[in-house]
Protein backbone atom coordinates (compact mmCIF):
# COMPACT_ATOMS: atom_id res chain seq x y z
CA MET A 1 61.89 110.94 64.85
CA GLY A 2 58.94 112.50 63.38
CA ASP A 3 57.01 115.37 64.72
CA ILE A 4 54.22 113.06 66.00
CA ASP A 5 56.66 110.57 67.71
CA TYR A 6 58.36 113.55 69.19
CA TYR A 7 55.18 114.76 70.51
CA LYS A 8 54.25 111.53 72.17
CA ARG A 9 57.79 111.44 73.83
CA LEU A 10 57.15 114.87 74.98
CA THR A 11 53.89 113.95 76.11
CA LEU A 12 55.39 111.12 78.32
CA GLU A 13 58.10 112.89 79.71
CA ALA A 14 55.65 115.63 80.84
CA LYS A 15 53.71 113.00 82.61
CA LEU A 16 56.75 111.57 84.45
CA ILE A 17 58.04 115.27 85.59
CA LYS A 18 54.42 115.95 86.91
CA GLN A 19 54.44 112.72 89.09
CA LYS A 20 57.86 113.40 90.37
CA TYR A 21 58.57 117.10 90.15
CA LYS A 22 55.11 118.96 90.91
CA THR A 23 56.94 122.29 91.38
CA LEU A 24 58.25 122.23 87.77
CA GLY A 25 56.08 123.55 85.08
CA THR A 26 55.98 124.79 81.42
CA GLY A 27 55.24 128.49 82.15
CA ARG A 28 52.95 130.82 80.16
CA GLU A 29 53.80 129.36 76.95
CA GLY A 30 52.92 125.66 77.81
CA LYS A 31 55.49 124.11 75.83
CA LEU A 32 56.30 120.73 76.40
CA SER A 33 59.84 121.04 75.48
CA LYS A 34 60.52 123.70 78.07
CA TRP A 35 60.26 123.32 82.16
CA SER A 36 61.35 125.21 84.82
CA GLY A 37 60.95 125.66 88.65
CA TYR A 38 62.27 124.99 91.97
CA ILE A 39 63.38 121.37 93.14
CA THR A 40 64.53 120.47 96.59
CA VAL A 41 68.28 119.93 97.37
CA ARG A 42 69.16 119.16 101.20
CA ASN A 43 66.04 121.25 102.14
CA ARG A 44 67.18 123.94 99.86
CA PRO A 45 64.99 125.32 96.94
CA LEU A 46 66.93 125.20 93.66
CA PHE A 47 65.91 126.82 90.47
CA VAL A 48 66.31 124.50 87.44
CA SER A 49 65.58 124.92 83.43
CA ILE A 50 65.03 122.32 81.27
CA GLN A 51 65.07 122.48 77.33
CA ILE A 52 64.11 119.01 75.42
CA PRO A 53 65.61 119.54 71.76
CA GLU A 54 64.19 118.23 68.95
CA ASP A 55 66.22 115.38 68.36
CA PHE A 56 65.27 114.21 71.76
CA PRO A 57 66.21 111.48 72.81
CA ASN A 58 68.63 111.11 70.32
CA LYS A 59 70.03 113.84 72.17
CA PRO A 60 69.93 114.45 75.84
CA PRO A 61 68.11 117.60 77.49
CA LEU A 62 69.94 120.64 78.31
CA ILE A 63 69.47 121.52 82.20
CA LYS A 64 70.69 124.49 84.14
CA ALA A 65 70.63 125.16 87.78
CA SER A 66 70.91 128.58 89.27
CA GLY A 67 74.51 129.24 90.92
CA VAL A 68 75.97 125.90 89.27
CA GLN A 69 78.96 126.81 87.32
CA THR A 70 80.18 123.53 86.52
CA ASN A 71 79.68 121.84 83.08
CA LEU A 72 76.52 119.52 83.99
CA ASN A 73 77.19 117.49 80.67
CA GLU A 74 80.54 116.71 82.08
CA GLU A 75 79.49 116.19 85.68
CA LEU A 76 76.31 114.05 85.19
CA GLY A 77 76.75 110.57 84.17
CA VAL A 78 73.58 110.18 82.84
CA LEU A 79 74.23 113.37 80.25
CA LYS A 80 77.72 111.99 79.57
CA ASN A 81 76.58 108.58 78.52
CA TRP A 82 73.53 109.44 77.25
CA ARG A 83 70.90 106.74 75.96
CA GLN A 84 67.54 107.30 74.29
CA GLU A 85 65.68 105.08 76.95
CA TYR A 86 66.59 107.87 79.40
CA ASN A 87 64.25 110.38 80.77
CA VAL A 88 64.28 113.60 81.80
CA THR A 89 63.62 112.82 85.58
CA ASP A 90 66.63 110.21 85.44
CA VAL A 91 68.62 113.82 84.42
CA ILE A 92 66.71 115.62 87.39
CA ASP A 93 67.68 112.93 90.01
CA ALA A 94 71.21 113.13 88.86
CA LEU A 95 71.65 116.37 89.38
CA ARG A 96 69.77 116.20 92.79
CA LYS A 97 72.37 113.38 93.70
CA TYR A 98 75.73 115.30 92.38
CA LEU A 99 74.58 118.45 94.31
CA GLU A 100 73.88 116.51 97.42
CA GLU A 101 76.89 114.98 97.26
CA LYS A 102 78.71 118.13 96.84
CA ILE A 103 76.71 119.60 100.02
CA ASP A 104 77.85 116.92 101.77
CA ALA A 105 81.49 117.20 100.83
CA ASP A 106 81.62 121.12 101.61
CA LYS A 107 80.46 120.11 104.85
CA THR A 108 82.93 117.23 105.53
CA THR A 109 86.15 118.81 104.30
CA PRO A 110 86.77 121.53 106.94
CA ARG A 111 86.27 118.94 109.65
CA ARG A 112 88.49 116.41 107.45
CA LEU A 113 91.34 118.92 107.10
CA ALA A 114 91.13 120.08 111.04
CA GLU A 115 91.71 116.31 111.80
CA GLU A 116 94.61 115.90 109.41
CA LEU A 117 96.25 118.96 111.02
CA GLN A 118 95.71 117.42 114.43
CA ARG A 119 96.85 114.36 113.63
CA MET A 120 100.12 115.75 112.20
CA ILE A 121 100.89 117.85 115.01
CA GLU A 122 100.39 114.98 117.53
CA ASN A 123 102.53 112.61 115.80
CA SER A 124 105.30 115.27 114.75
CA HIS A 125 107.80 114.25 117.47
CA LEU A 126 107.76 110.78 115.95
CA LEU A 127 108.90 112.31 112.77
CA MET A 128 111.86 114.40 114.42
CA SER A 129 113.02 111.33 116.47
CA ARG A 130 112.13 108.01 115.09
CA SER A 131 114.84 107.42 112.94
CA GLU A 132 119.16 107.85 113.58
CA TYR A 133 119.64 108.88 110.10
CA VAL A 134 117.27 111.85 109.33
CA SER A 135 114.70 113.95 111.06
CA ILE A 136 111.74 115.44 109.82
CA ARG A 137 110.67 118.81 111.10
CA LEU A 138 107.05 120.04 110.74
CA THR A 139 106.18 123.69 109.79
CA ARG A 140 103.47 125.48 108.23
CA ASP A 141 104.41 128.46 106.37
CA THR A 142 100.64 129.78 105.95
CA SER A 143 97.66 129.46 107.70
CA SER A 144 95.97 127.32 105.07
CA LEU A 145 94.75 123.89 106.38
CA ARG A 146 95.92 122.57 102.88
CA GLU A 147 99.77 123.05 102.95
CA TYR A 148 102.64 121.65 105.14
CA ARG A 149 106.36 121.65 104.92
CA LEU A 150 108.67 118.92 105.92
CA MET A 151 112.12 119.97 106.46
CA VAL A 152 114.32 116.58 106.31
CA VAL A 153 117.75 117.18 107.78
CA PHE A 154 120.34 114.47 107.38
CA LEU A 155 121.77 113.62 110.76
CA LYS A 156 125.34 112.35 111.86
CA TYR A 157 125.12 108.60 111.19
CA SER A 158 123.81 109.30 107.59
CA LYS A 159 126.23 108.99 104.37
CA PRO A 160 128.85 111.19 105.42
CA ARG A 161 128.21 113.27 101.88
CA LEU A 162 124.64 113.89 103.34
CA ASN A 163 125.52 115.08 106.79
CA GLY A 164 123.80 118.15 107.36
CA LYS A 165 122.05 118.76 104.13
CA VAL A 166 118.35 119.53 104.27
CA ILE A 167 115.34 119.09 101.58
CA ASN A 168 112.33 120.68 101.86
CA ILE A 169 108.95 118.97 100.72
CA LYS A 170 105.76 120.71 100.46
CA LEU A 171 102.62 118.56 101.23
CA VAL A 172 99.71 120.04 99.24
CA LEU A 173 95.79 118.54 100.01
CA PRO A 174 93.88 119.50 96.88
CA GLU A 175 90.28 120.62 96.60
CA GLU A 176 89.30 116.92 96.11
CA PHE A 177 90.89 115.90 99.08
CA PRO A 178 90.49 113.20 100.58
CA THR A 179 89.28 111.66 97.39
CA VAL A 180 92.18 112.84 95.51
CA LYS A 181 95.79 111.91 97.34
CA PRO A 182 97.92 115.06 98.34
CA ARG A 183 100.46 116.27 96.18
CA ILE A 184 104.09 116.24 96.93
CA GLU A 185 106.43 119.37 95.94
CA ILE A 186 110.21 119.11 96.60
CA SER A 187 112.83 121.81 97.06
CA SER A 188 116.34 121.01 97.19
CA GLY A 189 117.96 123.89 94.62
CA LYS A 190 118.47 121.13 92.18
CA GLU A 191 115.91 120.69 89.60
CA GLU A 192 117.01 117.24 88.12
CA ILE A 193 117.33 115.78 91.80
CA ASP A 194 114.00 116.99 92.83
CA LEU A 195 111.96 115.70 90.10
CA ASN A 196 113.39 112.14 90.30
CA LEU A 197 112.73 112.49 94.16
CA GLU A 198 109.26 113.39 93.58
CA LYS A 199 108.94 110.18 91.25
CA TYR A 200 109.95 108.07 93.93
CA LEU A 201 107.95 109.59 96.84
CA GLU A 202 104.74 109.51 94.51
CA ASN A 203 105.14 105.74 94.11
CA LEU A 204 105.67 105.12 97.92
CA PRO A 205 102.49 102.82 99.14
CA PRO A 206 100.53 105.50 100.58
CA MET A 207 100.54 107.70 97.72
CA ARG A 208 100.52 104.63 95.18
CA ASN A 209 97.71 103.12 96.83
CA TRP A 210 95.54 106.10 98.30
CA THR A 211 92.08 105.83 99.56
CA PRO A 212 90.07 108.58 101.07
CA ASP A 213 90.49 106.56 104.61
CA LYS A 214 94.36 107.10 104.54
CA HIS A 215 95.88 110.02 106.42
CA LEU A 216 98.53 112.79 105.58
CA PHE A 217 100.82 111.39 108.41
CA GLU A 218 100.95 108.26 106.71
CA VAL A 219 102.67 109.82 103.83
CA ALA A 220 104.77 111.83 105.86
CA LEU A 221 105.87 108.79 108.02
CA SER A 222 106.58 106.94 104.71
CA ILE A 223 108.74 109.79 103.33
CA LEU A 224 110.81 109.54 107.00
CA GLU A 225 111.41 105.77 105.90
CA PHE A 226 112.33 106.30 102.58
CA PHE A 227 114.94 108.79 103.27
CA SER A 228 116.28 106.74 106.53
CA ASN A 229 116.86 103.96 103.91
CA PHE A 230 118.39 106.18 101.58
CA ALA A 231 120.69 107.79 104.34
CA MET A 232 122.21 104.61 105.74
CA ALA A 233 125.93 104.17 104.45
CA VAL A 234 126.65 100.71 102.66
CA CYS A 235 129.93 99.26 103.42
CA PRO A 236 131.65 98.59 99.78
CA ILE A 237 133.20 95.35 101.03
CA CYS A 238 130.17 92.93 102.46
CA LEU A 239 127.14 95.33 100.89
CA ASN A 240 125.68 95.65 104.37
CA LYS A 241 124.12 98.82 105.71
CA ILE A 242 126.36 100.66 108.39
CA THR A 243 124.09 101.13 111.33
CA ALA A 244 124.35 103.90 113.99
CA GLN A 245 126.14 101.53 116.52
CA GLU A 246 128.79 100.81 113.79
CA TYR A 247 129.21 104.28 112.44
CA ASP A 248 132.03 105.58 115.16
CA SER A 249 133.87 102.82 114.62
CA ALA A 250 134.12 102.42 110.81
CA ILE A 251 136.58 102.95 108.46
CA LYS A 252 136.40 106.49 106.64
CA CYS A 253 137.51 107.68 103.31
CA ILE A 254 139.20 110.99 103.87
CA ASN A 255 138.72 111.77 100.16
CA PRO A 256 136.06 114.87 100.33
CA ARG A 257 134.86 113.60 97.07
CA CYS A 258 134.22 110.14 98.09
CA ARG A 259 133.95 109.97 102.08
CA SER A 260 133.09 106.05 101.83
CA LEU A 261 132.34 104.10 105.14
CA TYR A 262 133.93 100.57 105.71
CA HIS A 263 132.97 98.23 108.71
CA LYS A 264 136.25 98.03 110.67
CA ASN A 265 136.24 94.05 110.68
CA CYS A 266 135.34 94.30 106.81
CA PHE A 267 138.10 96.49 106.05
CA GLU A 268 140.77 94.58 108.20
CA GLY A 269 139.95 91.55 106.48
CA TRP A 270 140.38 93.03 103.06
CA ILE A 271 143.91 94.09 104.16
CA ARG A 272 144.97 90.64 105.37
CA GLN A 273 144.01 89.28 102.07
CA GLY A 274 146.89 91.22 100.64
CA TYR A 275 144.94 94.06 99.41
CA LYS A 276 146.40 97.65 99.67
CA ARG A 277 145.14 99.87 102.44
CA GLU A 278 143.08 102.26 100.09
CA CYS A 279 139.47 103.27 99.49
CA VAL A 280 138.43 100.56 97.01
CA PHE A 281 136.45 103.47 94.92
CA CYS A 282 138.88 106.32 94.78
CA ASP A 283 142.31 104.76 95.56
CA THR A 284 142.91 107.32 98.48
CA PRO A 285 144.90 105.78 101.08
CA VAL A 286 142.79 104.82 104.36
């Protein structure tokens, strides 16, 4: 673009700016390529400065806002995806909208975090008593409303090798919550197991299909359901799960490295068919 075309474009931009943002001016120098002044964002004055480069409109204007530390070229779509037909006022409009949404989010976040805490506390009894195989105890190690710890305890009716075992899960609400889903961190003392479990938990429905209207308790409840299914023993003969009602009468392998469980009727039927009275996995006499 030549000097004449550039000046014509600056004149057009100046006209649009003065029509929409009367509080902005060119200062003492009077250059149409430099603007500064105050704009209003949610009834608050904000000082901005704008520089229109010589290769405008091939390149976007440079805009700075007092107190805004983020890279506006990355945050504002109009700058990120700049087109020649855009105007400087489009950039100012986008800046105002971005800051208004940020102010609204800052007001909403504390209230939403308090709601999440209340919901978790009110429903914590369900995490402890809903399953016969695992119990989840809710604790908070800090006063932060963004961190929760779930202590997963495997109960009597879980697989024998899991009885009494504990897995600690930390739920962390990121700064962008609820737009961004919670983060899950697992600590069982075995890194490989932790990483595998995290992958499974990250794929639970509330996490996989996260939307801002979902709540942290939904994640905690899905974790309970996951570990309940994981903890139930399966009869090796019929391949059906051994329920809590069937647990006490189940046939148990005494090998501490195996400890398989069988439905009593399944195992007795197995023996009647001529098989040895041994565990089908480890050959230990039962």
